[in-house]
Amino acid sequence: MKRIFSILNAVIAMGCGLIVLIGTFFNLQGMRETRLLFFQWAVILAGVAVLVGIWNLFSVHLQKIRTRQPGSLYSLILLFFMLLSLLFSSVTEFSAFKTVFLNGIILPAEISLLALLAVTLLYALIRMLRTRTDLPTLIFLTTALAALLLPVLAQFPAVNDLIRPALTNLLAAGGARGILIGVALGTLTTGLRILLGADRPYGGK
């Protein structure tokens, strides 16, 4: 029975994926409507999954606070700001505090984390130079140092007119495009493996 259920899951997943692909590339009668219906189902299921995840997060940290486990203070802070965000988003009378909450807490925290990430990566790269000193590593180190020092050196016209466009338009944009292409290829490969039944993340083996 378990094997039959696994095969049935694979058939349903492959069939839904093929219908979506066919409805995207071919204008067949009723196929586009079915594809849109599957999209709507996927959006609803994704929303329910987010709600279940939020409830699970709330219950886990609430249980941690009740049992007074180590780190329960951070759980209390997390639950407080989660409820505060929900209050600001759902009640229209508190909509004015949403901008203050975003610009005063969320954005500074994200900027601080990104700055810490940049410094940590640079420190790890400098430590890696002890064991690996090839040309790509040196190029990456030079680019990282230039990106960190660019805001300080931007007051000079030559740096602001020549070096800054080269870093942002060539190196940064090229790296971002390469990452996006890699993500797209990985997503395409994963989707094809699911459609062919090689991978079964929906519960089959």
Protein backbone atom coordinates (compact mmCIF):
# COMPACT_ATOMS: atom_id res chain seq x y z
CA MET A 1 0.00 0.00 0.00
CA LYS A 2 2.84 2.37 0.82
CA ARG A 3 4.49 1.68 -2.55
CA ILE A 4 1.20 2.35 -4.38
CA PHE A 5 0.78 5.64 -2.52
CA SER A 6 4.33 6.66 -3.44
CA ILE A 7 3.74 5.86 -7.11
CA LEU A 8 0.46 7.77 -7.03
CA ASN A 9 2.20 10.85 -5.62
CA ALA A 10 4.80 10.67 -8.39
CA VAL A 11 2.12 10.36 -11.08
CA ILE A 12 0.16 13.34 -9.71
CA ALA A 13 3.28 15.52 -9.45
CA MET A 14 4.48 14.60 -12.95
CA GLY A 15 1.01 15.11 -14.42
CA CYS A 16 0.57 18.55 -12.84
CA GLY A 17 4.02 19.62 -13.99
CA LEU A 18 3.40 18.47 -17.56
CA ILE A 19 0.05 20.26 -17.68
CA VAL A 20 1.69 23.50 -16.51
CA LEU A 21 4.47 23.16 -19.11
CA ILE A 22 2.08 22.34 -21.95
CA GLY A 23 -0.23 25.19 -20.96
CA THR A 24 2.71 27.59 -20.98
CA PHE A 25 4.05 26.79 -24.45
CA PHE A 26 0.92 25.64 -26.31
CA ASN A 27 -2.44 27.39 -26.58
CA LEU A 28 -4.63 24.33 -26.22
CA GLN A 29 -8.29 24.43 -25.33
CA GLY A 30 -8.74 24.43 -21.56
CA MET A 31 -5.05 23.88 -20.86
CA ARG A 32 -4.30 27.49 -19.90
CA GLU A 33 -7.28 27.60 -17.55
CA THR A 34 -6.12 24.39 -15.88
CA ARG A 35 -2.60 25.80 -15.56
CA LEU A 36 -3.92 28.95 -13.87
CA LEU A 37 -6.03 26.81 -11.55
CA PHE A 38 -2.93 24.86 -10.52
CA PHE A 39 -1.12 28.15 -9.90
CA GLN A 40 -3.93 29.32 -7.65
CA TRP A 41 -3.83 26.05 -5.73
CA ALA A 42 -0.06 26.42 -5.34
CA VAL A 43 -0.41 29.97 -4.01
CA ILE A 44 -3.06 28.88 -1.50
CA LEU A 45 -0.97 25.92 -0.33
CA ALA A 46 2.11 28.14 -0.01
CA GLY A 47 0.14 30.63 2.09
CA VAL A 48 -1.15 27.85 4.36
CA ALA A 49 2.41 26.49 4.68
CA VAL A 50 3.62 29.95 5.76
CA LEU A 51 0.88 30.13 8.39
CA VAL A 52 1.75 26.66 9.66
CA GLY A 53 5.42 27.66 9.85
CA ILE A 54 4.58 30.83 11.79
CA TRP A 55 2.42 28.87 14.21
CA ASN A 56 5.16 26.28 14.66
CA LEU A 57 7.70 29.05 15.34
CA PHE A 58 5.36 30.63 17.88
CA SER A 59 4.61 27.35 19.68
CA VAL A 60 8.27 26.26 19.85
CA HIS A 61 9.48 29.55 21.34
CA LEU A 62 6.48 29.77 23.66
CA GLN A 63 7.29 26.31 25.00
CA LYS A 64 10.90 27.41 25.41
CA ILE A 65 9.76 30.39 27.49
CA ARG A 66 7.44 28.25 29.62
CA THR A 67 10.14 25.74 30.49
CA ARG A 68 12.72 28.53 31.00
CA GLN A 69 15.30 26.95 28.75
CA PRO A 70 18.61 28.70 28.00
CA GLY A 71 18.04 31.53 25.55
CA SER A 72 14.39 32.01 26.50
CA LEU A 73 14.99 35.78 26.67
CA TYR A 74 15.72 35.84 22.94
CA SER A 75 12.58 33.79 22.33
CA LEU A 76 10.57 36.37 24.28
CA ILE A 77 12.05 39.20 22.20
CA LEU A 78 11.30 37.29 19.00
CA LEU A 79 7.66 36.67 19.93
CA PHE A 80 7.20 40.27 21.06
CA PHE A 81 8.39 41.74 17.77
CA MET A 82 6.54 39.11 15.75
CA LEU A 83 3.26 40.09 17.42
CA LEU A 84 4.16 43.75 17.05
CA SER A 85 4.74 43.31 13.31
CA LEU A 86 1.43 41.48 12.99
CA LEU A 87 -0.33 44.31 14.85
CA PHE A 88 1.20 47.02 12.67
CA SER A 89 0.37 45.14 9.46
CA SER A 90 -3.22 44.18 10.24
CA VAL A 91 -4.61 47.20 12.14
CA THR A 92 -5.03 50.29 9.96
CA GLU A 93 -4.83 52.67 12.94
CA PHE A 94 -1.19 51.63 13.46
CA SER A 95 -0.18 51.99 9.80
CA ALA A 96 1.79 55.15 10.62
CA PHE A 97 4.08 53.12 12.91
CA LYS A 98 4.84 50.69 10.08
CA THR A 99 7.28 53.09 8.43
CA VAL A 100 8.94 53.85 11.75
CA PHE A 101 9.22 50.15 12.49
CA LEU A 102 10.71 49.46 9.07
CA ASN A 103 13.16 52.36 8.88
CA GLY A 104 14.09 52.36 12.55
CA ILE A 105 14.56 48.64 13.29
CA ILE A 106 14.41 46.32 10.29
CA LEU A 107 16.56 48.27 7.82
CA PRO A 108 19.35 49.10 10.32
CA ALA A 109 19.45 45.47 11.45
CA GLU A 110 19.69 44.21 7.87
CA ILE A 111 22.39 46.74 6.98
CA SER A 112 24.39 45.77 10.08
CA LEU A 113 24.15 42.07 9.20
CA LEU A 114 25.27 42.72 5.63
CA ALA A 115 28.19 44.83 6.81
CA LEU A 116 29.18 42.11 9.27
CA LEU A 117 28.92 39.53 6.48
CA ALA A 118 31.21 41.57 4.23
CA VAL A 119 33.86 41.98 6.93
CA THR A 120 33.62 38.28 7.89
CA LEU A 121 34.06 37.16 4.29
CA LEU A 122 37.05 39.44 3.86
CA TYR A 123 38.65 38.11 7.05
CA ALA A 124 38.05 34.51 5.94
CA LEU A 125 39.57 35.32 2.55
CA ILE A 126 42.69 36.80 4.16
CA ARG A 127 43.08 33.67 6.29
CA MET A 128 42.66 31.53 3.18
CA LEU A 129 45.65 33.28 1.60
CA ARG A 130 47.89 31.38 4.00
CA THR A 131 47.14 28.12 2.18
CA ARG A 132 46.04 29.30 -1.26
CA THR A 133 47.59 32.19 -3.16
CA ASP A 134 46.48 31.65 -6.74
CA LEU A 135 45.37 34.36 -9.17
CA PRO A 136 41.54 34.08 -8.65
CA THR A 137 41.97 34.47 -4.90
CA LEU A 138 44.12 37.58 -5.33
CA ILE A 139 41.62 39.08 -7.79
CA PHE A 140 38.75 38.45 -5.40
CA LEU A 141 40.69 39.93 -2.50
CA THR A 142 41.56 43.05 -4.50
CA THR A 143 37.94 43.47 -5.58
CA ALA A 144 36.65 43.04 -2.02
CA LEU A 145 39.11 45.60 -0.67
CA ALA A 146 38.21 48.04 -3.42
CA ALA A 147 34.49 47.60 -2.70
CA LEU A 148 35.02 48.26 1.01
CA LEU A 149 37.22 51.31 0.41
CA LEU A 150 35.08 52.70 -2.41
CA PRO A 151 32.74 54.80 -0.20
CA VAL A 152 35.79 56.43 1.40
CA LEU A 153 37.54 57.10 -1.91
CA ALA A 154 34.38 58.25 -3.72
CA GLN A 155 35.19 61.88 -2.89
CA PHE A 156 37.95 61.83 -5.49
CA PRO A 157 36.62 62.54 -9.03
CA ALA A 158 38.83 59.94 -10.74
CA VAL A 159 37.62 57.17 -8.44
CA ASN A 160 33.99 58.22 -8.69
CA ASP A 161 34.07 58.52 -12.50
CA LEU A 162 36.25 55.57 -13.51
CA ILE A 163 36.69 52.95 -10.81
CA ARG A 164 33.17 53.03 -9.35
CA PRO A 165 31.37 52.37 -12.70
CA ALA A 166 33.86 49.60 -13.50
CA LEU A 167 33.22 47.86 -10.20
CA THR A 168 29.44 48.24 -10.21
CA ASN A 169 28.68 47.77 -13.91
CA LEU A 170 31.27 45.12 -14.78
CA LEU A 171 32.33 43.07 -11.77
CA ALA A 172 29.28 43.36 -9.51
CA ALA A 173 26.70 43.10 -12.30
CA GLY A 174 28.60 40.22 -13.92
CA GLY A 175 28.79 38.32 -10.66
CA ALA A 176 25.09 38.90 -9.96
CA ARG A 177 24.15 37.65 -13.43
CA GLY A 178 26.32 34.58 -12.97
CA ILE A 179 24.63 33.77 -9.66
CA LEU A 180 21.15 34.24 -11.20
CA ILE A 181 22.05 32.00 -14.14
CA GLY A 182 23.32 29.34 -11.75
CA VAL A 183 20.12 29.54 -9.68
CA ALA A 184 18.01 29.28 -12.86
CA LEU A 185 19.94 26.23 -14.11
CA GLY A 186 19.72 24.56 -10.70
CA THR A 187 15.97 25.21 -10.51
CA LEU A 188 15.48 23.88 -14.03
CA THR A 189 17.49 20.74 -13.28
CA THR A 190 15.58 20.12 -10.05
CA GLY A 191 12.25 20.63 -11.81
CA LEU A 192 13.16 18.19 -14.57
CA ARG A 193 14.29 15.57 -12.05
CA ILE A 194 10.98 15.92 -10.19
CA LEU A 195 9.00 15.68 -13.43
CA LEU A 196 10.93 12.56 -14.45
CA GLY A 197 10.45 11.00 -11.02
CA ALA A 198 14.16 10.90 -10.14
CA ASP A 199 13.62 13.12 -7.07
CA ARG A 200 10.50 12.88 -4.93
CA PRO A 201 10.49 15.67 -2.31
CA TYR A 202 6.76 15.18 -1.73
CA GLY A 203 7.27 12.05 0.40
CA GLY A 204 8.21 9.25 -1.99
CA LYS A 205 11.51 7.38 -2.01
